[in-house]
Amino acid sequence: MGFELMKYMTMFRACIVREEFFYYRGNNILKQDLEFL
């Protein structure tokens, strides 16, 4: 039970980190595009 919960929490945290990373990178790309224009 504990191991399954740990595995689930790790996957969940990895998902959140990935989403934040892509969101942050997307914002940077948008800023660069605006500065370029």
PDB file of N, CA and C in Angstrom:
ATOM      1  N   MET A   1       0.846  -1.201   0.000  1.00  0.00           N
ATOM      2  CA  MET A   1       0.000   0.000   0.000  1.00  0.00           C
ATOM      3  C   MET A   1       0.881   1.251   0.000  1.00  0.00           C
ATOM      4  N   GLY A   2       1.832   1.307   0.927  1.00  0.00           N
ATOM      5  CA  GLY A   2       2.691   2.486   1.004  1.00  0.00           C
ATOM      6  C   GLY A   2       3.506   2.672  -0.260  1.00  0.00           C
ATOM      7  N   PHE A   3       3.995   1.537  -0.816  1.00  0.00           N
ATOM      8  CA  PHE A   3       4.816   1.639  -2.022  1.00  0.00           C
ATOM      9  C   PHE A   3       3.986   2.161  -3.191  1.00  0.00           C
ATOM     10  N   GLU A   4       2.767   1.661  -3.331  1.00  0.00           N
ATOM     11  CA  GLU A   4       1.889   2.128  -4.416  1.00  0.00           C
ATOM     12  C   GLU A   4       1.623   3.621  -4.270  1.00  0.00           C
ATOM     13  N   LEU A   5       1.374   4.061  -3.042  1.00  0.00           N
ATOM     14  CA  LEU A   5       1.095   5.475  -2.798  1.00  0.00           C
ATOM     15  C   LEU A   5       2.323   6.309  -3.142  1.00  0.00           C
ATOM     16  N   MET A   6       3.507   5.820  -2.753  1.00  0.00           N
ATOM     17  CA  MET A   6       4.740   6.548  -3.046  1.00  0.00           C
ATOM     18  C   MET A   6       4.941   6.660  -4.550  1.00  0.00           C
ATOM     19  N   LYS A   7       4.716   5.554  -5.255  1.00  0.00           N
ATOM     20  CA  LYS A   7       4.885   5.558  -6.715  1.00  0.00           C
ATOM     21  C   LYS A   7       3.922   6.559  -7.353  1.00  0.00           C
ATOM     22  N   TYR A   8       2.678   6.573  -6.865  1.00  0.00           N
ATOM     23  CA  TYR A   8       1.673   7.488  -7.407  1.00  0.00           C
ATOM     24  C   TYR A   8       2.070   8.938  -7.148  1.00  0.00           C
ATOM     25  N   MET A   9       2.532   9.225  -5.933  1.00  0.00           N
ATOM     26  CA  MET A   9       2.927  10.593  -5.587  1.00  0.00           C
ATOM     27  C   MET A   9       4.112  11.036  -6.435  1.00  0.00           C
ATOM     28  N   THR A  10       5.064  10.138  -6.667  1.00  0.00           N
ATOM     29  CA  THR A  10       6.238  10.489  -7.477  1.00  0.00           C
ATOM     30  C   THR A  10       5.820  10.807  -8.904  1.00  0.00           C
ATOM     31  N   MET A  11       4.948   9.982  -9.473  1.00  0.00           N
ATOM     32  CA  MET A  11       4.469  10.229 -10.839  1.00  0.00           C
ATOM     33  C   MET A  11       3.712  11.553 -10.896  1.00  0.00           C
ATOM     34  N   PHE A  12       2.878  11.793  -9.878  1.00  0.00           N
ATOM     35  CA  PHE A  12       2.088  13.024  -9.829  1.00  0.00           C
ATOM     36  C   PHE A  12       3.003  14.241  -9.769  1.00  0.00           C
ATOM     37  N   ARG A  13       4.039  14.171  -8.908  1.00  0.00           N
ATOM     38  CA  ARG A  13       4.965  15.299  -8.767  1.00  0.00           C
ATOM     39  C   ARG A  13       5.726  15.514 -10.068  1.00  0.00           C
ATOM     40  N   ALA A  14       6.138  14.428 -10.719  1.00  0.00           N
ATOM     41  CA  ALA A  14       6.861  14.547 -11.993  1.00  0.00           C
ATOM     42  C   ALA A  14       5.971  15.231 -13.028  1.00  0.00           C
ATOM     43  N   CYS A  15       4.690  14.903 -13.035  1.00  0.00           N
ATOM     44  CA  CYS A  15       3.752  15.532 -13.975  1.00  0.00           C
ATOM     45  C   CYS A  15       3.678  17.030 -13.715  1.00  0.00           C
ATOM     46  N   ILE A  16       3.565  17.413 -12.457  1.00  0.00           N
ATOM     47  CA  ILE A  16       3.458  18.839 -12.119  1.00  0.00           C
ATOM     48  C   ILE A  16       4.721  19.574 -12.539  1.00  0.00           C
ATOM     49  N   VAL A  17       5.881  19.001 -12.249  1.00  0.00           N
ATOM     50  CA  VAL A  17       7.147  19.652 -12.610  1.00  0.00           C
ATOM     51  C   VAL A  17       7.226  19.824 -14.116  1.00  0.00           C
ATOM     52  N   ARG A  18       6.824  18.790 -14.872  1.00  0.00           N
ATOM     53  CA  ARG A  18       6.886  18.863 -16.333  1.00  0.00           C
ATOM     54  C   ARG A  18       5.952  19.961 -16.842  1.00  0.00           C
ATOM     55  N   GLU A  19       4.747  20.023 -16.289  1.00  0.00           N
ATOM     56  CA  GLU A  19       3.794  21.057 -16.723  1.00  0.00           C
ATOM     57  C   GLU A  19       4.358  22.446 -16.455  1.00  0.00           C
ATOM     58  N   GLU A  20       4.931  22.653 -15.254  1.00  0.00           N
ATOM     59  CA  GLU A  20       5.480  23.964 -14.917  1.00  0.00           C
ATOM     60  C   GLU A  20       6.638  24.300 -15.835  1.00  0.00           C
ATOM     61  N   PHE A  21       7.464  23.297 -16.167  1.00  0.00           N
ATOM     62  CA  PHE A  21       8.618  23.544 -17.035  1.00  0.00           C
ATOM     63  C   PHE A  21       8.155  23.991 -18.419  1.00  0.00           C
ATOM     64  N   PHE A  22       7.166  23.268 -18.977  1.00  0.00           N
ATOM     65  CA  PHE A  22       6.689  23.631 -20.318  1.00  0.00           C
ATOM     66  C   PHE A  22       5.994  24.992 -20.293  1.00  0.00           C
ATOM     67  N   TYR A  23       5.267  25.275 -19.210  1.00  0.00           N
ATOM     68  CA  TYR A  23       4.591  26.569 -19.095  1.00  0.00           C
ATOM     69  C   TYR A  23       5.624  27.689 -19.029  1.00  0.00           C
ATOM     70  N   TYR A  24       6.674  27.476 -18.237  1.00  0.00           N
ATOM     71  CA  TYR A  24       7.727  28.489 -18.098  1.00  0.00           C
ATOM     72  C   TYR A  24       8.447  28.686 -19.423  1.00  0.00           C
ATOM     73  N   ARG A  25       8.770  27.585 -20.097  1.00  0.00           N
ATOM     74  CA  ARG A  25       9.465  27.690 -21.381  1.00  0.00           C
ATOM     75  C   ARG A  25       8.562  28.368 -22.408  1.00  0.00           C
ATOM     76  N   GLY A  26       7.289  28.052 -22.406  1.00  0.00           N
ATOM     77  CA  GLY A  26       6.353  28.672 -23.339  1.00  0.00           C
ATOM     78  C   GLY A  26       6.271  30.176 -23.112  1.00  0.00           C
ATOM     79  N   ASN A  27       6.256  30.591 -21.840  1.00  0.00           N
ATOM     80  CA  ASN A  27       6.219  32.024 -21.542  1.00  0.00           C
ATOM     81  C   ASN A  27       7.475  32.706 -22.046  1.00  0.00           C
ATOM     82  N   ASN A  28       8.629  32.073 -21.868  1.00  0.00           N
ATOM     83  CA  ASN A  28       9.881  32.665 -22.338  1.00  0.00           C
ATOM     84  C   ASN A  28       9.863  32.805 -23.851  1.00  0.00           C
ATOM     85  N   ILE A  29       9.360  31.792 -24.547  1.00  0.00           N
ATOM     86  CA  ILE A  29       9.305  31.847 -26.012  1.00  0.00           C
ATOM     87  C   ILE A  29       8.364  32.977 -26.440  1.00  0.00           C
ATOM     88  N   LEU A  30       7.241  33.126 -25.734  1.00  0.00           N
ATOM     89  CA  LEU A  30       6.310  34.208 -26.064  1.00  0.00           C
ATOM     90  C   LEU A  30       6.970  35.561 -25.860  1.00  0.00           C
ATOM     91  N   LYS A  31       7.698  35.719 -24.758  1.00  0.00           N
ATOM     92  CA  LYS A  31       8.376  36.996 -24.493  1.00  0.00           C
ATOM     93  C   LYS A  31       9.403  37.284 -25.582  1.00  0.00           C
ATOM     94  N   GLN A  32      10.161  36.272 -25.977  1.00  0.00           N
ATOM     95  CA  GLN A  32      11.164  36.462 -27.020  1.00  0.00           C
ATOM     96  C   GLN A  32      10.489  36.861 -28.326  1.00  0.00           C
ATOM     97  N   ASP A  33       9.367  36.230 -28.650  1.00  0.00           N
ATOM     98  CA  ASP A  33       8.648  36.569 -29.879  1.00  0.00           C
ATOM     99  C   ASP A  33       8.166  38.018 -29.835  1.00  0.00           C
ATOM    100  N   LEU A  34       7.658  38.444 -28.678  1.00  0.00           N
ATOM    101  CA  LEU A  34       7.169  39.821 -28.559  1.00  0.00           C
ATOM    102  C   LEU A  34       8.320  40.804 -28.695  1.00  0.00           C
ATOM    103  N   GLU A  35       9.470  40.485 -28.096  1.00  0.00           N
ATOM    104  CA  GLU A  35      10.621  41.381 -28.210  1.00  0.00           C
ATOM    105  C   GLU A  35      11.115  41.416 -29.652  1.00  0.00           C
ATOM    106  N   PHE A  36      11.030  40.272 -30.327  1.00  0.00           N
ATOM    107  CA  PHE A  36      11.489  40.208 -31.715  1.00  0.00           C
ATOM    108  C   PHE A  36      10.606  41.087 -32.601  1.00  0.00           C
ATOM    109  N   LEU A  37       9.301  41.058 -32.334  1.00  0.00           N
ATOM    110  CA  LEU A  37       8.379  41.897 -33.102  1.00  0.00           C
ATOM    111  C   LEU A  37       8.565  43.342 -32.667  1.00  0.00           C
TER     112      LEU A  37
END
